[in-house]
Amino acid sequence: MPYEGMKAALGNPEHLNIVPTIAGSNRDEVKIVASISKIFC
């Protein structure tokens, strides 16, 4: 955790990484969860 706090750090260009960010899920994650979940058994 940055000393200045998370909200301030996210708005600070000094902490900016020039890399792509991928957020979300894919269909394989759903299959894994469904295979171990008691609801779907």
N, C-alpha and C. Protein backbone atom coordinates (compact mmCIF):
# COMPACT_ATOMS: atom_id res chain seq x y z
N MET A 1 0.85 -1.17 0.00
CA MET A 1 0.00 0.00 0.00
C MET A 1 0.89 1.23 0.00
N PRO A 2 0.71 2.12 -0.94
CA PRO A 2 1.49 3.35 -0.96
C PRO A 2 1.20 4.22 0.26
N TYR A 3 2.20 4.97 0.68
CA TYR A 3 2.06 5.83 1.85
C TYR A 3 0.97 6.87 1.66
N GLU A 4 0.82 7.36 0.42
CA GLU A 4 -0.17 8.41 0.15
C GLU A 4 -1.60 7.89 0.07
N GLY A 5 -1.78 6.60 0.14
CA GLY A 5 -3.11 6.01 0.06
C GLY A 5 -3.40 5.51 -1.35
N MET A 6 -4.28 4.57 -1.45
CA MET A 6 -4.56 3.93 -2.73
C MET A 6 -5.21 4.88 -3.73
N LYS A 7 -6.17 5.67 -3.30
CA LYS A 7 -6.88 6.57 -4.21
C LYS A 7 -5.93 7.62 -4.80
N ALA A 8 -5.09 8.20 -3.96
CA ALA A 8 -4.13 9.20 -4.44
C ALA A 8 -3.07 8.55 -5.33
N ALA A 9 -2.64 7.34 -4.98
CA ALA A 9 -1.62 6.66 -5.77
C ALA A 9 -2.13 6.31 -7.17
N LEU A 10 -3.40 5.91 -7.27
CA LEU A 10 -3.96 5.57 -8.57
C LEU A 10 -4.07 6.79 -9.48
N GLY A 11 -4.21 7.96 -8.91
CA GLY A 11 -4.30 9.18 -9.69
C GLY A 11 -2.96 9.84 -9.97
N ASN A 12 -1.89 9.29 -9.42
CA ASN A 12 -0.55 9.87 -9.56
C ASN A 12 0.15 9.27 -10.78
N PRO A 13 0.51 10.08 -11.78
CA PRO A 13 1.16 9.55 -12.98
C PRO A 13 2.55 8.95 -12.69
N GLU A 14 3.14 9.26 -11.56
CA GLU A 14 4.44 8.70 -11.20
C GLU A 14 4.35 7.18 -11.02
N HIS A 15 3.19 6.68 -10.62
CA HIS A 15 2.99 5.26 -10.38
C HIS A 15 2.42 4.53 -11.59
N LEU A 16 2.33 5.21 -12.72
CA LEU A 16 1.71 4.65 -13.91
C LEU A 16 2.63 3.62 -14.57
N ASN A 17 2.11 2.44 -14.84
CA ASN A 17 2.84 1.42 -15.61
C ASN A 17 2.30 1.44 -17.02
N ILE A 18 3.19 1.45 -17.98
CA ILE A 18 2.77 1.46 -19.37
C ILE A 18 2.71 0.01 -19.85
N VAL A 19 1.75 -0.72 -19.35
CA VAL A 19 1.53 -2.11 -19.74
C VAL A 19 0.03 -2.33 -19.88
N PRO A 20 -0.37 -3.23 -20.75
CA PRO A 20 -1.80 -3.49 -20.89
C PRO A 20 -2.34 -4.22 -19.66
N THR A 21 -3.57 -3.92 -19.32
CA THR A 21 -4.23 -4.58 -18.19
C THR A 21 -5.48 -5.26 -18.71
N ILE A 22 -5.61 -6.52 -18.36
CA ILE A 22 -6.78 -7.28 -18.78
C ILE A 22 -7.55 -7.68 -17.53
N ALA A 23 -8.79 -7.28 -17.45
CA ALA A 23 -9.63 -7.61 -16.30
C ALA A 23 -10.87 -8.34 -16.80
N GLY A 24 -11.24 -9.35 -16.08
CA GLY A 24 -12.44 -10.09 -16.46
C GLY A 24 -12.23 -11.57 -16.28
N SER A 25 -13.04 -12.34 -16.92
CA SER A 25 -12.93 -13.79 -16.82
C SER A 25 -13.07 -14.39 -18.20
N ASN A 26 -12.80 -15.66 -18.26
CA ASN A 26 -12.99 -16.36 -19.52
C ASN A 26 -13.87 -17.57 -19.30
N ARG A 27 -14.25 -18.23 -20.34
CA ARG A 27 -15.19 -19.34 -20.20
C ARG A 27 -14.57 -20.53 -19.48
N ASP A 28 -13.24 -20.67 -19.49
CA ASP A 28 -12.60 -21.78 -18.78
C ASP A 28 -12.73 -21.63 -17.27
N GLU A 29 -12.68 -20.40 -16.77
CA GLU A 29 -12.85 -20.18 -15.33
C GLU A 29 -14.23 -20.61 -14.87
N VAL A 30 -15.22 -20.37 -15.67
CA VAL A 30 -16.59 -20.75 -15.33
C VAL A 30 -16.68 -22.28 -15.26
N LYS A 31 -16.04 -22.98 -16.17
CA LYS A 31 -16.07 -24.44 -16.17
C LYS A 31 -15.39 -25.00 -14.92
N ILE A 32 -14.28 -24.41 -14.50
CA ILE A 32 -13.57 -24.88 -13.31
C ILE A 32 -14.44 -24.69 -12.08
N VAL A 33 -15.03 -23.52 -11.94
CA VAL A 33 -15.88 -23.25 -10.77
C VAL A 33 -17.09 -24.17 -10.78
N ALA A 34 -17.69 -24.36 -11.95
CA ALA A 34 -18.86 -25.23 -12.05
C ALA A 34 -18.51 -26.67 -11.72
N SER A 35 -17.29 -27.10 -12.03
CA SER A 35 -16.92 -28.49 -11.78
C SER A 35 -16.67 -28.77 -10.30
N ILE A 36 -16.31 -27.75 -9.53
CA ILE A 36 -16.03 -27.97 -8.10
C ILE A 36 -17.15 -27.46 -7.19
N SER A 37 -18.12 -26.78 -7.75
CA SER A 37 -19.21 -26.23 -6.96
C SER A 37 -20.26 -27.29 -6.68
N LYS A 38 -20.73 -27.36 -5.45
CA LYS A 38 -21.76 -28.33 -5.07
C LYS A 38 -23.11 -27.99 -5.69
N ILE A 39 -23.31 -26.74 -6.05
CA ILE A 39 -24.59 -26.33 -6.66
C ILE A 39 -24.79 -27.01 -8.01
N PHE A 40 -23.68 -27.19 -8.77
CA PHE A 40 -23.78 -27.73 -10.13
C PHE A 40 -23.58 -29.25 -10.18
N CYS A 41 -23.34 -29.89 -9.04
CA CYS A 41 -23.11 -31.35 -9.03
C CYS A 41 -24.40 -32.12 -8.98
